[in-house]
């Protein structure tokens, strides 16, 4: 399955969950960032 799947956790709290916070959060779960992203966007995009 290598290269055929990916996971993404999307934060709906962009004011607090900055890229730095999300990276630290992912590290606390020992996530492999090659196959699991932690992302957010502006509130309008998240709401949509």
ModelCIF file with pLDDT and N, C-alpha, C, O atoms, coordinates in Angstrom:
data_MODEL
#
_entry.id   MODEL 
#
_entity.id                         1 
_entity.type                       polymer 
_entity.pdbx_number_of_molecules   1 
#
_entity_poly.entity_id                      1 
_entity_poly.type                           'polypeptide(L)' 
_entity_poly.nstd_linkage                   no 
_entity_poly.nstd_monomer                   no 
_entity_poly.pdbx_seq_one_letter_code       
;(UNK)(UNK)(UNK)(UNK)(UNK)(UNK)(UNK)(UNK)(UNK)(UNK)(UNK)(UNK)(UNK)(UNK)(UNK)(UNK)
(UNK)(UNK)(UNK)(UNK)(UNK)(UNK)(UNK)(UNK)(UNK)(UNK)(UNK)(UNK)(UNK)(UNK)(UNK)(UNK)
(UNK)(UNK)(UNK)(UNK)(UNK)(UNK)(UNK)(UNK)(UNK)(UNK)(UNK)(UNK)(UNK)(UNK)(UNK)(UNK)
;
_entity_poly.pdbx_seq_one_letter_code_can   XXXXXXXXXXXXXXXXXXXXXXXXXXXXXXXXXXXXXXXXXXXXXXXX 
_entity_poly.pdbx_strand_id                 A 
#
loop_
_entity_poly_seq.entity_id 
_entity_poly_seq.num 
_entity_poly_seq.mon_id 
_entity_poly_seq.hetero 
1 1  UNK n 
1 2  UNK n 
1 3  UNK n 
1 4  UNK n 
1 5  UNK n 
1 6  UNK n 
1 7  UNK n 
1 8  UNK n 
1 9  UNK n 
1 10 UNK n 
1 11 UNK n 
1 12 UNK n 
1 13 UNK n 
1 14 UNK n 
1 15 UNK n 
1 16 UNK n 
1 17 UNK n 
1 18 UNK n 
1 19 UNK n 
1 20 UNK n 
1 21 UNK n 
1 22 UNK n 
1 23 UNK n 
1 24 UNK n 
1 25 UNK n 
1 26 UNK n 
1 27 UNK n 
1 28 UNK n 
1 29 UNK n 
1 30 UNK n 
1 31 UNK n 
1 32 UNK n 
1 33 UNK n 
1 34 UNK n 
1 35 UNK n 
1 36 UNK n 
1 37 UNK n 
1 38 UNK n 
1 39 UNK n 
1 40 UNK n 
1 41 UNK n 
1 42 UNK n 
1 43 UNK n 
1 44 UNK n 
1 45 UNK n 
1 46 UNK n 
1 47 UNK n 
1 48 UNK n 
#
_struct_asym.id          A 
_struct_asym.entity_id   1 
#
loop_
_ma_qa_metric.id 
_ma_qa_metric.mode 
_ma_qa_metric.name 
_ma_qa_metric.software_group_id 
_ma_qa_metric.type 
1 global pLDDT . pLDDT 
2 local  pLDDT . pLDDT 
#
_ma_qa_metric_global.metric_id      1 
_ma_qa_metric_global.metric_value   96.85 
_ma_qa_metric_global.model_id       1 
_ma_qa_metric_global.ordinal_id     1 
#
loop_
_ma_qa_metric_local.label_asym_id 
_ma_qa_metric_local.label_comp_id 
_ma_qa_metric_local.label_seq_id 
_ma_qa_metric_local.metric_id 
_ma_qa_metric_local.metric_value 
_ma_qa_metric_local.model_id 
_ma_qa_metric_local.ordinal_id 
A UNK 1  2 96.00 1 1  
A UNK 2  2 96.00 1 2  
A UNK 3  2 97.00 1 3  
A UNK 4  2 97.00 1 4  
A UNK 5  2 98.00 1 5  
A UNK 6  2 98.00 1 6  
A UNK 7  2 98.00 1 7  
A UNK 8  2 98.00 1 8  
A UNK 9  2 98.00 1 9  
A UNK 10 2 98.00 1 10 
A UNK 11 2 97.00 1 11 
A UNK 12 2 96.00 1 12 
A UNK 13 2 96.00 1 13 
A UNK 14 2 95.00 1 14 
A UNK 15 2 93.00 1 15 
A UNK 16 2 95.00 1 16 
A UNK 17 2 97.00 1 17 
A UNK 18 2 97.00 1 18 
A UNK 19 2 97.00 1 19 
A UNK 20 2 98.00 1 20 
A UNK 21 2 98.00 1 21 
A UNK 22 2 98.00 1 22 
A UNK 23 2 98.00 1 23 
A UNK 24 2 98.00 1 24 
A UNK 25 2 98.00 1 25 
A UNK 26 2 98.00 1 26 
A UNK 27 2 98.00 1 27 
A UNK 28 2 97.00 1 28 
A UNK 29 2 97.00 1 29 
A UNK 30 2 96.00 1 30 
A UNK 31 2 98.00 1 31 
A UNK 32 2 98.00 1 32 
A UNK 33 2 98.00 1 33 
A UNK 34 2 98.00 1 34 
A UNK 35 2 98.00 1 35 
A UNK 36 2 98.00 1 36 
A UNK 37 2 98.00 1 37 
A UNK 38 2 98.00 1 38 
A UNK 39 2 98.00 1 39 
A UNK 40 2 98.00 1 40 
A UNK 41 2 97.00 1 41 
A UNK 42 2 96.00 1 42 
A UNK 43 2 92.00 1 43 
A UNK 44 2 95.00 1 44 
A UNK 45 2 96.00 1 45 
A UNK 46 2 95.00 1 46 
A UNK 47 2 93.00 1 47 
A UNK 48 2 94.00 1 48 
#
loop_
_atom_site.group_PDB 
_atom_site.id 
_atom_site.type_symbol 
_atom_site.label_atom_id 
_atom_site.label_alt_id 
_atom_site.label_comp_id 
_atom_site.label_asym_id 
_atom_site.label_entity_id 
_atom_site.label_seq_id 
_atom_site.pdbx_PDB_ins_code 
_atom_site.Cartn_x 
_atom_site.Cartn_y 
_atom_site.Cartn_z 
_atom_site.occupancy 
_atom_site.B_iso_or_equiv 
_atom_site.pdbx_formal_charge 
_atom_site.auth_seq_id 
_atom_site.auth_comp_id 
_atom_site.auth_asym_id 
_atom_site.auth_atom_id 
_atom_site.pdbx_PDB_model_num 
ATOM 1   N N  . UNK A 1 1  ? 0.809   -1.221 0.000  1.00 96.00 ? 1  UNK A N  1 
ATOM 2   C CA . UNK A 1 1  ? 0.000   0.000  0.000  1.00 96.00 ? 1  UNK A CA 1 
ATOM 3   C C  . UNK A 1 1  ? 0.846   1.276  0.000  1.00 96.00 ? 1  UNK A C  1 
ATOM 4   O O  . UNK A 1 1  ? 0.301   2.379  -0.049 1.00 96.00 ? 1  UNK A O  1 
ATOM 5   N N  . UNK A 1 2  ? 2.164   1.135  0.054  1.00 96.00 ? 2  UNK A N  1 
ATOM 6   C CA . UNK A 1 2  ? 3.038   2.306  0.109  1.00 96.00 ? 2  UNK A CA 1 
ATOM 7   C C  . UNK A 1 2  ? 2.715   3.297  -1.009 1.00 96.00 ? 2  UNK A C  1 
ATOM 8   O O  . UNK A 1 2  ? 2.619   2.924  -2.178 1.00 96.00 ? 2  UNK A O  1 
ATOM 9   N N  . UNK A 1 3  ? 2.549   4.561  -0.631 1.00 97.00 ? 3  UNK A N  1 
ATOM 10  C CA . UNK A 1 3  ? 2.297   5.628  -1.590 1.00 97.00 ? 3  UNK A CA 1 
ATOM 11  C C  . UNK A 1 3  ? 0.872   5.685  -2.109 1.00 97.00 ? 3  UNK A C  1 
ATOM 12  O O  . UNK A 1 3  ? 0.578   6.461  -3.018 1.00 97.00 ? 3  UNK A O  1 
ATOM 13  N N  . UNK A 1 4  ? -0.027  4.868  -1.540 1.00 97.00 ? 4  UNK A N  1 
ATOM 14  C CA . UNK A 1 4  ? -1.392  4.799  -2.065 1.00 97.00 ? 4  UNK A CA 1 
ATOM 15  C C  . UNK A 1 4  ? -2.434  5.354  -1.100 1.00 97.00 ? 4  UNK A C  1 
ATOM 16  O O  . UNK A 1 4  ? -3.629  5.309  -1.392 1.00 97.00 ? 4  UNK A O  1 
ATOM 17  N N  . UNK A 1 5  ? -1.999  5.874  0.043  1.00 98.00 ? 5  UNK A N  1 
ATOM 18  C CA . UNK A 1 5  ? -2.950  6.369  1.046  1.00 98.00 ? 5  UNK A CA 1 
ATOM 19  C C  . UNK A 1 5  ? -2.347  7.540  1.806  1.00 98.00 ? 5  UNK A C  1 
ATOM 20  O O  . UNK A 1 5  ? -1.133  7.741  1.815  1.00 98.00 ? 5  UNK A O  1 
ATOM 21  N N  . UNK A 1 6  ? -3.229  8.310  2.446  1.00 98.00 ? 6  UNK A N  1 
ATOM 22  C CA . UNK A 1 6  ? -2.787  9.444  3.262  1.00 98.00 ? 6  UNK A CA 1 
ATOM 23  C C  . UNK A 1 6  ? -3.881  9.773  4.276  1.00 98.00 ? 6  UNK A C  1 
ATOM 24  O O  . UNK A 1 6  ? -5.063  9.529  4.032  1.00 98.00 ? 6  UNK A O  1 
ATOM 25  N N  . UNK A 1 7  ? -3.475  10.324 5.400  1.00 98.00 ? 7  UNK A N  1 
ATOM 26  C CA . UNK A 1 7  ? -4.386  10.767 6.452  1.00 98.00 ? 7  UNK A CA 1 
ATOM 27  C C  . UNK A 1 7  ? -4.220  12.269 6.646  1.00 98.00 ? 7  UNK A C  1 
ATOM 28  O O  . UNK A 1 7  ? -3.112  12.796 6.542  1.00 98.00 ? 7  UNK A O  1 
ATOM 29  N N  . UNK A 1 8  ? -5.317  12.950 6.928  1.00 98.00 ? 8  UNK A N  1 
ATOM 30  C CA . UNK A 1 8  ? -5.257  14.384 7.217  1.00 98.00 ? 8  UNK A CA 1 
ATOM 31  C C  . UNK A 1 8  ? -6.213  14.708 8.355  1.00 98.00 ? 8  UNK A C  1 
ATOM 32  O O  . UNK A 1 8  ? -7.406  14.409 8.293  1.00 98.00 ? 8  UNK A O  1 
ATOM 33  N N  . UNK A 1 9  ? -5.666  15.323 9.389  1.00 98.00 ? 9  UNK A N  1 
ATOM 34  C CA . UNK A 1 9  ? -6.484  15.844 10.489 1.00 98.00 ? 9  UNK A CA 1 
ATOM 35  C C  . UNK A 1 9  ? -6.598  17.346 10.274 1.00 98.00 ? 9  UNK A C  1 
ATOM 36  O O  . UNK A 1 9  ? -5.592  18.052 10.192 1.00 98.00 ? 9  UNK A O  1 
ATOM 37  N N  . UNK A 1 10 ? -7.832  17.823 10.185 1.00 98.00 ? 10 UNK A N  1 
ATOM 38  C CA . UNK A 1 10 ? -8.090  19.231 9.913  1.00 98.00 ? 10 UNK A CA 1 
ATOM 39  C C  . UNK A 1 10 ? -8.584  19.895 11.187 1.00 98.00 ? 10 UNK A C  1 
ATOM 40  O O  . UNK A 1 10 ? -9.605  19.495 11.747 1.00 98.00 ? 10 UNK A O  1 
ATOM 41  N N  . UNK A 1 11 ? -7.859  20.911 11.644 1.00 97.00 ? 11 UNK A N  1 
ATOM 42  C CA . UNK A 1 11 ? -8.291  21.654 12.820 1.00 97.00 ? 11 UNK A CA 1 
ATOM 43  C C  . UNK A 1 11 ? -9.311  22.714 12.425 1.00 97.00 ? 11 UNK A C  1 
ATOM 44  O O  . UNK A 1 11 ? -9.132  23.442 11.448 1.00 97.00 ? 11 UNK A O  1 
ATOM 45  N N  . UNK A 1 12 ? -10.375 22.783 13.200 1.00 96.00 ? 12 UNK A N  1 
ATOM 46  C CA . UNK A 1 12 ? -11.384 23.832 12.980 1.00 96.00 ? 12 UNK A CA 1 
ATOM 47  C C  . UNK A 1 12 ? -11.208 24.967 13.988 1.00 96.00 ? 12 UNK A C  1 
ATOM 48  O O  . UNK A 1 12 ? -12.156 25.698 14.275 1.00 96.00 ? 12 UNK A O  1 
ATOM 49  N N  . UNK A 1 13 ? -9.990  25.114 14.526 1.00 96.00 ? 13 UNK A N  1 
ATOM 50  C CA . UNK A 1 13 ? -9.659  26.169 15.485 1.00 96.00 ? 13 UNK A CA 1 
ATOM 51  C C  . UNK A 1 13 ? -8.408  26.923 15.015 1.00 96.00 ? 13 UNK A C  1 
ATOM 52  O O  . UNK A 1 13 ? -7.378  26.900 15.689 1.00 96.00 ? 13 UNK A O  1 
ATOM 53  N N  . UNK A 1 14 ? -8.500  27.594 13.851 1.00 95.00 ? 14 UNK A N  1 
ATOM 54  C CA . UNK A 1 14 ? -7.293  28.188 13.272 1.00 95.00 ? 14 UNK A CA 1 
ATOM 55  C C  . UNK A 1 14 ? -6.677  29.314 14.098 1.00 95.00 ? 14 UNK A C  1 
ATOM 56  O O  . UNK A 1 14 ? -5.489  29.600 13.951 1.00 95.00 ? 14 UNK A O  1 
ATOM 57  N N  . UNK A 1 15 ? -7.460  29.956 14.962 1.00 93.00 ? 15 UNK A N  1 
ATOM 58  C CA . UNK A 1 15 ? -6.885  31.026 15.789 1.00 93.00 ? 15 UNK A CA 1 
ATOM 59  C C  . UNK A 1 15 ? -5.858  30.475 16.769 1.00 93.00 ? 15 UNK A C  1 
ATOM 60  O O  . UNK A 1 15 ? -4.860  31.134 17.059 1.00 93.00 ? 15 UNK A O  1 
ATOM 61  N N  . UNK A 1 16 ? -6.098  29.281 17.274 1.00 95.00 ? 16 UNK A N  1 
ATOM 62  C CA . UNK A 1 16 ? -5.163  28.674 18.231 1.00 95.00 ? 16 UNK A CA 1 
ATOM 63  C C  . UNK A 1 16 ? -4.240  27.657 17.555 1.00 95.00 ? 16 UNK A C  1 
ATOM 64  O O  . UNK A 1 16 ? -3.043  27.609 17.841 1.00 95.00 ? 16 UNK A O  1 
ATOM 65  N N  . UNK A 1 17 ? -4.795  26.857 16.670 1.00 97.00 ? 17 UNK A N  1 
ATOM 66  C CA . UNK A 1 17 ? -4.033  25.764 16.064 1.00 97.00 ? 17 UNK A CA 1 
ATOM 67  C C  . UNK A 1 17 ? -3.224  26.241 14.861 1.00 97.00 ? 17 UNK A C  1 
ATOM 68  O O  . UNK A 1 17 ? -3.582  26.008 13.707 1.00 97.00 ? 17 UNK A O  1 
ATOM 69  N N  . UNK A 1 18 ? -2.134  26.907 15.173 1.00 97.00 ? 18 UNK A N  1 
ATOM 70  C CA . UNK A 1 18 ? -1.188  27.373 14.163 1.00 97.00 ? 18 UNK A CA 1 
ATOM 71  C C  . UNK A 1 18 ? -0.399  26.175 13.630 1.00 97.00 ? 18 UNK A C  1 
ATOM 72  O O  . UNK A 1 18 ? -0.444  25.096 14.221 1.00 97.00 ? 18 UNK A O  1 
ATOM 73  N N  . UNK A 1 19 ? 0.314   26.352 12.532 1.00 97.00 ? 19 UNK A N  1 
ATOM 74  C CA . UNK A 1 19 ? 1.149   25.249 12.050 1.00 97.00 ? 19 UNK A CA 1 
ATOM 75  C C  . UNK A 1 19 ? 2.105   24.712 13.127 1.00 97.00 ? 19 UNK A C  1 
ATOM 76  O O  . UNK A 1 19 ? 2.319   23.503 13.217 1.00 97.00 ? 19 UNK A O  1 
ATOM 77  N N  . UNK A 1 20 ? 2.666   25.589 13.925 1.00 98.00 ? 20 UNK A N  1 
ATOM 78  C CA . UNK A 1 20 ? 3.583   25.151 14.990 1.00 98.00 ? 20 UNK A CA 1 
ATOM 79  C C  . UNK A 1 20 ? 2.847   24.298 16.035 1.00 98.00 ? 20 UNK A C  1 
ATOM 80  O O  . UNK A 1 20 ? 3.356   23.259 16.457 1.00 98.00 ? 20 UNK A O  1 
ATOM 81  N N  . UNK A 1 21 ? 1.668   24.731 16.445 1.00 98.00 ? 21 UNK A N  1 
ATOM 82  C CA . UNK A 1 21 ? 0.871   23.975 17.416 1.00 98.00 ? 21 UNK A CA 1 
ATOM 83  C C  . UNK A 1 21 ? 0.468   22.630 16.828 1.00 98.00 ? 21 UNK A C  1 
ATOM 84  O O  . UNK A 1 21 ? 0.550   21.607 17.509 1.00 98.00 ? 21 UNK A O  1 
ATOM 85  N N  . UNK A 1 22 ? 0.034   22.619 15.575 1.00 98.00 ? 22 UNK A N  1 
ATOM 86  C CA . UNK A 1 22 ? -0.376  21.375 14.931 1.00 98.00 ? 22 UNK A CA 1 
ATOM 87  C C  . UNK A 1 22 ? 0.790   20.404 14.773 1.00 98.00 ? 22 UNK A C  1 
ATOM 88  O O  . UNK A 1 22 ? 0.612   19.195 14.921 1.00 98.00 ? 22 UNK A O  1 
ATOM 89  N N  . UNK A 1 23 ? 1.969   20.919 14.477 1.00 98.00 ? 23 UNK A N  1 
ATOM 90  C CA . UNK A 1 23 ? 3.151   20.056 14.373 1.00 98.00 ? 23 UNK A CA 1 
ATOM 91  C C  . UNK A 1 23 ? 3.450   19.414 15.721 1.00 98.00 ? 23 UNK A C  1 
ATOM 92  O O  . UNK A 1 23 ? 3.714   18.214 15.793 1.00 98.00 ? 23 UNK A O  1 
ATOM 93  N N  . UNK A 1 24 ? 3.410   20.198 16.775 1.00 98.00 ? 24 UNK A N  1 
ATOM 94  C CA . UNK A 1 24 ? 3.663   19.676 18.116 1.00 98.00 ? 24 UNK A CA 1 
ATOM 95  C C  . UNK A 1 24 ? 2.604   18.636 18.504 1.00 98.00 ? 24 UNK A C  1 
ATOM 96  O O  . UNK A 1 24 ? 2.923   17.610 19.105 1.00 98.00 ? 24 UNK A O  1 
ATOM 97  N N  . UNK A 1 25 ? 1.361   18.910 18.158 1.00 98.00 ? 25 UNK A N  1 
ATOM 98  C CA . UNK A 1 25 ? 0.265   17.983 18.437 1.00 98.00 ? 25 UNK A CA 1 
ATOM 99  C C  . UNK A 1 25 ? 0.515   16.660 17.707 1.00 98.00 ? 25 UNK A C  1 
ATOM 100 O O  . UNK A 1 25 ? 0.391   15.589 18.301 1.00 98.00 ? 25 UNK A O  1 
ATOM 101 N N  . UNK A 1 26 ? 0.860   16.734 16.447 1.00 98.00 ? 26 UNK A N  1 
ATOM 102 C CA . UNK A 1 26 ? 1.160   15.524 15.680 1.00 98.00 ? 26 UNK A CA 1 
ATOM 103 C C  . UNK A 1 26 ? 2.332   14.761 16.271 1.00 98.00 ? 26 UNK A C  1 
ATOM 104 O O  . UNK A 1 26 ? 2.304   13.532 16.337 1.00 98.00 ? 26 UNK A O  1 
ATOM 105 N N  . UNK A 1 27 ? 3.358   15.475 16.699 1.00 98.00 ? 27 UNK A N  1 
ATOM 106 C CA . UNK A 1 27 ? 4.503   14.829 17.329 1.00 98.00 ? 27 UNK A CA 1 
ATOM 107 C C  . UNK A 1 27 ? 4.107   14.131 18.627 1.00 98.00 ? 27 UNK A C  1 
ATOM 108 O O  . UNK A 1 27 ? 4.662   13.086 18.967 1.00 98.00 ? 27 UNK A O  1 
ATOM 109 N N  . UNK A 1 28 ? 3.141   14.712 19.358 1.00 97.00 ? 28 UNK A N  1 
ATOM 110 C CA . UNK A 1 28 ? 2.712   14.094 20.612 1.00 97.00 ? 28 UNK A CA 1 
ATOM 111 C C  . UNK A 1 28 ? 2.030   12.746 20.357 1.00 97.00 ? 28 UNK A C  1 
ATOM 112 O O  . UNK A 1 28 ? 1.968   11.904 21.253 1.00 97.00 ? 28 UNK A O  1 
ATOM 113 N N  . UNK A 1 29 ? 1.524   12.542 19.150 1.00 97.00 ? 29 UNK A N  1 
ATOM 114 C CA . UNK A 1 29 ? 0.934   11.254 18.775 1.00 97.00 ? 29 UNK A CA 1 
ATOM 115 C C  . UNK A 1 29 ? 1.944   10.366 18.039 1.00 97.00 ? 29 UNK A C  1 
ATOM 116 O O  . UNK A 1 29 ? 1.597   9.271  17.597 1.00 97.00 ? 29 UNK A O  1 
ATOM 117 N N  . UNK A 1 30 ? 3.157   10.819 17.910 1.00 96.00 ? 30 UNK A N  1 
ATOM 118 C CA . UNK A 1 30 ? 4.201   10.103 17.184 1.00 96.00 ? 30 UNK A CA 1 
ATOM 119 C C  . UNK A 1 30 ? 3.777   9.812  15.739 1.00 96.00 ? 30 UNK A C  1 
ATOM 120 O O  . UNK A 1 30 ? 4.061   8.750  15.185 1.00 96.00 ? 30 UNK A O  1 
ATOM 121 N N  . UNK A 1 31 ? 3.092   10.788 15.159 1.00 98.00 ? 31 UNK A N  1 
ATOM 122 C CA . UNK A 1 31 ? 2.628   10.662 13.773 1.00 98.00 ? 31 UNK A CA 1 
ATOM 123 C C  . UNK A 1 31 ? 3.815   10.661 12.821 1.00 98.00 ? 31 UNK A C  1 
ATOM 124 O O  . UNK A 1 31 ? 4.805   11.357 13.042 1.00 98.00 ? 31 UNK A O  1 
ATOM 125 N N  . UNK A 1 32 ? 3.702   9.878  11.773 1.00 98.00 ? 32 UNK A N  1 
ATOM 126 C CA . UNK A 1 32 ? 4.665   9.916  10.678 1.00 98.00 ? 32 UNK A CA 1 
ATOM 127 C C  . UNK A 1 32 ? 4.122   10.940 9.684  1.00 98.00 ? 32 UNK A C  1 
ATOM 128 O O  . UNK A 1 32 ? 3.143   10.684 8.984  1.00 98.00 ? 32 UNK A O  1 
ATOM 129 N N  . UNK A 1 33 ? 4.766   12.093 9.634  1.00 98.00 ? 33 UNK A N  1 
ATOM 130 C CA . UNK A 1 33 ? 4.271   13.188 8.802  1.00 98.00 ? 33 UNK A CA 1 
ATOM 131 C C  . UNK A 1 33 ? 4.366   12.888 7.300  1.00 98.00 ? 33 UNK A C  1 
ATOM 132 O O  . UNK A 1 33 ? 3.841   13.649 6.488  1.00 98.00 ? 33 UNK A O  1 
ATOM 133 N N  . UNK A 1 34 ? 5.019   11.808 6.930  1.00 98.00 ? 34 UNK A N  1 
ATOM 134 C CA . UNK A 1 34 ? 5.060   11.430 5.515  1.00 98.00 ? 34 UNK A CA 1 
ATOM 135 C C  . UNK A 1 34 ? 3.689   10.951 5.039  1.00 98.00 ? 34 UNK A C  1 
ATOM 136 O O  . UNK A 1 34 ? 3.376   11.029 3.851  1.00 98.00 ? 34 UNK A O  1 
ATOM 137 N N  . UNK A 1 35 ? 2.867   10.452 5.982  1.00 98.00 ? 35 UNK A N  1 
ATOM 138 C CA . UNK A 1 35 ? 1.561   9.920  5.596  1.00 98.00 ? 35 UNK A CA 1 
ATOM 139 C C  . UNK A 1 35 ? 0.406   10.492 6.421  1.00 98.00 ? 35 UNK A C  1 
ATOM 140 O O  . UNK A 1 35 ? -0.736  10.057 6.272  1.00 98.00 ? 35 UNK A O  1 
ATOM 141 N N  . UNK A 1 36 ? 0.698   11.462 7.288  1.00 98.00 ? 36 UNK A N  1 
ATOM 142 C CA . UNK A 1 36 ? -0.364  12.042 8.121  1.00 98.00 ? 36 UNK A CA 1 
ATOM 143 C C  . UNK A 1 36 ? -0.081  13.529 8.301  1.00 98.00 ? 36 UNK A C  1 
ATOM 144 O O  . UNK A 1 36 ? 0.912   13.916 8.917  1.00 98.00 ? 36 UNK A O  1 
ATOM 145 N N  . UNK A 1 37 ? -0.973  14.355 7.752  1.00 98.00 ? 37 UNK A N  1 
ATOM 146 C CA . UNK A 1 37 ? -0.844  15.807 7.869  1.00 98.00 ? 37 UNK A CA 1 
ATOM 147 C C  . UNK A 1 37 ? -1.810  16.350 8.915  1.00 98.00 ? 37 UNK A C  1 
ATOM 148 O O  . UNK A 1 37 ? -2.880  15.787 9.144  1.00 98.00 ? 37 UNK A O  1 
ATOM 149 N N  . UNK A 1 38 ? -1.416  17.446 9.540  1.00 98.00 ? 38 UNK A N  1 
ATOM 150 C CA . UNK A 1 38 ? -2.245  18.202 10.475 1.00 98.00 ? 38 UNK A CA 1 
ATOM 151 C C  . UNK A 1 38 ? -2.331  19.606 9.909  1.00 98.00 ? 38 UNK A C  1 
ATOM 152 O O  . UNK A 1 38 ? -1.326  20.313 9.836  1.00 98.00 ? 38 UNK A O  1 
ATOM 153 N N  . UNK A 1 39 ? -3.525  20.014 9.506  1.00 98.00 ? 39 UNK A N  1 
ATOM 154 C CA . UNK A 1 39 ? -3.677  21.258 8.769  1.00 98.00 ? 39 UNK A CA 1 
ATOM 155 C C  . UNK A 1 39 ? -4.856  22.061 9.306  1.00 98.00 ? 39 UNK A C  1 
ATOM 156 O O  . UNK A 1 39 ? -5.683  21.559 10.067 1.00 98.00 ? 39 UNK A O  1 
ATOM 157 N N  . UNK A 1 40 ? -4.906  23.307 8.892  1.00 98.00 ? 40 UNK A N  1 
ATOM 158 C CA . UNK A 1 40 ? -6.057  24.169 9.135  1.00 98.00 ? 40 UNK A CA 1 
ATOM 159 C C  . UNK A 1 40 ? -6.141  25.152 7.980  1.00 98.00 ? 40 UNK A C  1 
ATOM 160 O O  . UNK A 1 40 ? -5.345  25.092 7.043  1.00 98.00 ? 40 UNK A O  1 
ATOM 161 N N  . UNK A 1 41 ? -7.095  26.043 8.051  1.00 97.00 ? 41 UNK A N  1 
ATOM 162 C CA . UNK A 1 41 ? -7.281  27.054 7.004  1.00 97.00 ? 41 UNK A CA 1 
ATOM 163 C C  . UNK A 1 41 ? -7.964  28.248 7.653  1.00 97.00 ? 41 UNK A C  1 
ATOM 164 O O  . UNK A 1 41 ? -8.189  28.263 8.863  1.00 97.00 ? 41 UNK A O  1 
ATOM 165 N N  . UNK A 1 42 ? -8.289  29.238 6.852  1.00 96.00 ? 42 UNK A N  1 
ATOM 166 C CA . UNK A 1 42 ? -9.035  30.366 7.400  1.00 96.00 ? 42 UNK A CA 1 
ATOM 167 C C  . UNK A 1 42 ? -10.443 29.887 7.773  1.00 96.00 ? 42 UNK A C  1 
ATOM 168 O O  . UNK A 1 42 ? -10.927 28.882 7.253  1.00 96.00 ? 42 UNK A O  1 
ATOM 169 N N  . UNK A 1 43 ? -11.084 30.621 8.679  1.00 92.00 ? 43 UNK A N  1 
ATOM 170 C CA . UNK A 1 43 ? -12.375 30.201 9.212  1.00 92.00 ? 43 UNK A CA 1 
ATOM 171 C C  . UNK A 1 43 ? -13.445 30.045 8.134  1.00 92.00 ? 43 UNK A C  1 
ATOM 172 O O  . UNK A 1 43 ? -14.272 29.137 8.215  1.00 92.00 ? 43 UNK A O  1 
ATOM 173 N N  . UNK A 1 44 ? -13.439 30.909 7.134  1.00 95.00 ? 44 UNK A N  1 
ATOM 174 C CA . UNK A 1 44 ? -14.444 30.826 6.063  1.00 95.00 ? 44 UNK A CA 1 
ATOM 175 C C  . UNK A 1 44 ? -14.311 29.511 5.288  1.00 95.00 ? 44 UNK A C  1 
ATOM 176 O O  . UNK A 1 44 ? -15.316 28.880 4.962  1.00 95.00 ? 44 UNK A O  1 
ATOM 177 N N  . UNK A 1 45 ? -13.096 29.105 4.999  1.00 96.00 ? 45 UNK A N  1 
ATOM 178 C CA . UNK A 1 45 ? -12.856 27.851 4.289  1.00 96.00 ? 45 UNK A CA 1 
ATOM 179 C C  . UNK A 1 45 ? -13.275 26.665 5.148  1.00 96.00 ? 45 UNK A C  1 
ATOM 180 O O  . UNK A 1 45 ? -13.910 25.731 4.658  1.00 96.00 ? 45 UNK A O  1 
ATOM 181 N N  . UNK A 1 46 ? -12.923 26.702 6.418  1.00 95.00 ? 46 UNK A N  1 
ATOM 182 C CA . UNK A 1 46 ? -13.292 25.622 7.335  1.00 95.00 ? 46 UNK A CA 1 
ATOM 183 C C  . UNK A 1 46 ? -14.810 25.509 7.441  1.00 95.00 ? 46 UNK A C  1 
ATOM 184 O O  . UNK A 1 46 ? -15.358 24.407 7.400  1.00 95.00 ? 46 UNK A O  1 
ATOM 185 N N  . UNK A 1 47 ? -15.482 26.640 7.577  1.00 93.00 ? 47 UNK A N  1 
ATOM 186 C CA . UNK A 1 47 ? -16.943 26.636 7.696  1.00 93.00 ? 47 UNK A CA 1 
ATOM 187 C C  . UNK A 1 47 ? -17.589 26.044 6.448  1.00 93.00 ? 47 UNK A C  1 
ATOM 188 O O  . UNK A 1 47 ? -18.534 25.262 6.550  1.00 93.00 ? 47 UNK A O  1 
ATOM 189 N N  . UNK A 1 48 ? -17.090 26.409 5.285  1.00 94.00 ? 48 UNK A N  1 
ATOM 190 C CA . UNK A 1 48 ? -17.635 25.874 4.038  1.00 94.00 ? 48 UNK A CA 1 
ATOM 191 C C  . UNK A 1 48 ? -17.460 24.349 3.998  1.00 94.00 ? 48 UNK A C  1 
ATOM 192 O O  . UNK A 1 48 ? -17.856 23.708 3.025  1.00 94.00 ? 48 UNK A O  1 
#
